[in-house]
């Protein structure tokens, strides 16, 4: 697969990784990272799963808007939402793995249309491409 990047984000992690700082190279965002309490940390800061959830939710909503227009499936309303739930846990093979549940809400859109837009959104979203075949992603149209 060949990709010509139109934009590249750059970030740096320091300290202990899950317990340290993560910052964007342009200085616009610095995040204190701490492991969640469920993984033995203090939970006082943020963790990679939270940041992944933020990114996936935003990207997928944008992808659904884009594909709805591109494929003339209707309009995704301004008050549409995507709630991303990212889980982390041990894998049977060893190490850790992720799970994702995306909950899509499109008020005023017929359910069949919303489901089609949600399905086609995965075709556009780069997060969906990155996760396909690697982690379980469940999509629910509420």
Protein backbone atom coordinates (compact mmCIF):
# COMPACT_ATOMS: atom_id res chain seq x y z
CA UNK A 1 0.00 0.00 0.00
CA UNK A 2 1.41 3.35 -1.03
CA UNK A 3 0.44 6.50 0.83
CA UNK A 4 1.57 10.00 -0.03
CA UNK A 5 1.25 11.80 3.31
CA UNK A 6 -0.34 15.25 3.00
CA UNK A 7 0.18 15.93 6.71
CA UNK A 8 2.36 14.39 9.39
CA UNK A 9 1.86 14.90 13.13
CA UNK A 10 4.95 14.71 15.30
CA UNK A 11 4.95 13.97 19.01
CA UNK A 12 7.43 12.97 21.68
CA UNK A 13 7.05 10.95 24.86
CA UNK A 14 9.43 11.36 27.78
CA UNK A 15 9.69 9.86 31.24
CA UNK A 16 8.23 6.42 31.77
CA UNK A 17 6.05 6.30 28.66
CA UNK A 18 2.70 5.63 30.29
CA UNK A 19 3.92 7.72 33.22
CA UNK A 20 5.58 10.82 31.86
CA UNK A 21 4.87 13.58 29.37
CA UNK A 22 3.67 13.44 25.80
CA UNK A 23 3.85 16.56 23.69
CA UNK A 24 3.36 17.68 20.15
CA UNK A 25 6.47 18.89 18.36
CA UNK A 26 4.79 22.21 17.53
CA UNK A 27 4.22 22.89 21.26
CA UNK A 28 0.43 23.23 20.95
CA UNK A 29 -0.35 20.38 23.36
CA UNK A 30 1.43 18.73 26.28
CA UNK A 31 -0.25 15.92 28.17
CA UNK A 32 0.71 14.42 31.52
CA UNK A 33 0.52 10.67 31.10
CA UNK A 34 -0.34 8.27 33.92
CA UNK A 35 -1.55 4.72 33.86
CA UNK A 36 -5.22 4.26 34.78
CA UNK A 37 -6.02 2.92 38.23
CA UNK A 38 -7.26 -0.30 36.61
CA UNK A 39 -3.70 -0.93 35.40
CA UNK A 40 -2.04 -0.03 38.68
CA UNK A 41 -1.47 3.67 38.06
CA UNK A 42 -2.70 6.78 39.81
CA UNK A 43 -5.14 7.75 37.07
CA UNK A 44 -4.24 11.39 37.74
CA UNK A 45 -3.31 12.16 34.12
CA UNK A 46 -4.24 10.76 30.76
CA UNK A 47 -3.36 7.54 28.99
CA UNK A 48 -2.82 6.42 25.38
CA UNK A 49 -6.22 4.74 25.22
CA UNK A 50 -7.97 8.04 26.02
CA UNK A 51 -6.01 9.82 23.31
CA UNK A 52 -6.74 7.05 20.82
CA UNK A 53 -10.46 7.27 21.68
CA UNK A 54 -10.45 11.04 21.09
CA UNK A 55 -8.71 10.68 17.74
CA UNK A 56 -10.80 7.77 16.49
CA UNK A 57 -14.11 9.42 17.47
CA UNK A 58 -13.23 12.68 15.72
CA UNK A 59 -11.77 11.06 12.62
CA UNK A 60 -14.63 8.59 12.20
CA UNK A 61 -17.29 11.32 12.53
CA UNK A 62 -15.48 13.31 9.86
CA UNK A 63 -15.23 10.24 7.64
CA UNK A 64 -18.97 9.62 7.95
CA UNK A 65 -19.70 13.23 6.99
CA UNK A 66 -17.37 12.95 4.01
CA UNK A 67 -18.69 9.63 2.72
CA UNK A 68 -22.35 10.68 3.16
CA UNK A 69 -21.75 13.55 0.76
CA UNK A 70 -19.47 11.62 -1.58
CA UNK A 71 -21.89 8.73 -2.00
CA UNK A 72 -25.05 10.87 -1.75
CA UNK A 73 -26.30 8.93 1.28
CA UNK A 74 -27.87 11.96 2.94
CA UNK A 75 -26.63 14.50 5.44
CA UNK A 76 -25.04 13.76 8.78
CA UNK A 77 -26.70 16.26 11.15
CA UNK A 78 -24.63 18.83 13.07
CA UNK A 79 -25.64 17.21 16.37
CA UNK A 80 -24.41 13.77 15.32
CA UNK A 81 -21.95 12.17 17.73
CA UNK A 82 -19.47 9.32 17.90
CA UNK A 83 -18.57 7.95 21.33
CA UNK A 84 -15.42 5.85 21.18
CA UNK A 85 -14.75 3.33 23.94
CA UNK A 86 -11.20 1.95 23.85
CA UNK A 87 -10.36 -0.97 26.11
CA UNK A 88 -6.98 -2.47 26.91
CA UNK A 89 -6.24 -5.89 28.32
CA UNK A 90 -4.05 -8.94 28.15
CA UNK A 91 -4.00 -11.08 25.01
CA UNK A 92 -4.10 -14.87 25.15
CA UNK A 93 -0.96 -14.88 22.98
CA UNK A 94 0.83 -12.59 25.43
CA UNK A 95 1.26 -8.86 25.65
CA UNK A 96 -1.63 -6.42 25.52
CA UNK A 97 -4.35 -5.67 23.00
CA UNK A 98 -7.07 -3.13 22.37
CA UNK A 99 -10.79 -3.27 21.75
CA UNK A 100 -12.92 -0.48 20.30
CA UNK A 101 -16.63 0.18 20.44
CA UNK A 102 -17.96 3.11 18.41
CA UNK A 103 -21.45 4.34 19.29
CA UNK A 104 -22.91 6.50 16.51
CA UNK A 105 -25.85 8.82 17.06
CA UNK A 106 -27.49 10.66 14.14
CA UNK A 107 -30.66 12.35 15.38
CA UNK A 108 -33.36 12.64 12.73
CA UNK A 109 -31.68 10.23 10.30
CA UNK A 110 -33.55 7.08 9.32
CA UNK A 111 -31.89 4.08 10.97
CA UNK A 112 -31.12 2.24 7.71
CA UNK A 113 -29.47 5.36 6.30
CA UNK A 114 -27.48 5.97 9.50
CA UNK A 115 -26.29 2.34 9.46
CA UNK A 116 -25.19 2.65 5.81
CA UNK A 117 -23.30 5.88 6.55
CA UNK A 118 -21.66 4.27 9.59
CA UNK A 119 -20.67 1.23 7.53
CA UNK A 120 -19.22 3.31 4.69
CA UNK A 121 -17.43 5.60 7.16
CA UNK A 122 -15.04 2.74 7.89
CA UNK A 123 -14.07 2.73 4.20
CA UNK A 124 -12.83 6.34 4.49
CA UNK A 125 -11.50 6.56 8.07
CA UNK A 126 -7.72 5.96 8.38
CA UNK A 127 -8.19 4.75 11.97
CA UNK A 128 -10.53 2.06 10.65
CA UNK A 129 -7.95 1.06 8.05
CA UNK A 130 -5.21 0.90 10.69
CA UNK A 131 -7.27 -1.28 13.03
CA UNK A 132 -8.85 -3.59 10.44
CA UNK A 133 -7.78 -7.15 11.11
CA UNK A 134 -5.70 -6.05 14.10
CA UNK A 135 -8.27 -5.33 16.80
CA UNK A 136 -11.98 -5.85 17.29
CA UNK A 137 -13.99 -2.75 16.39
CA UNK A 138 -17.70 -2.90 17.15
CA UNK A 139 -19.89 -0.20 15.61
CA UNK A 140 -23.33 0.48 17.11
CA UNK A 141 -25.83 2.91 15.63
CA UNK A 142 -27.89 4.14 18.58
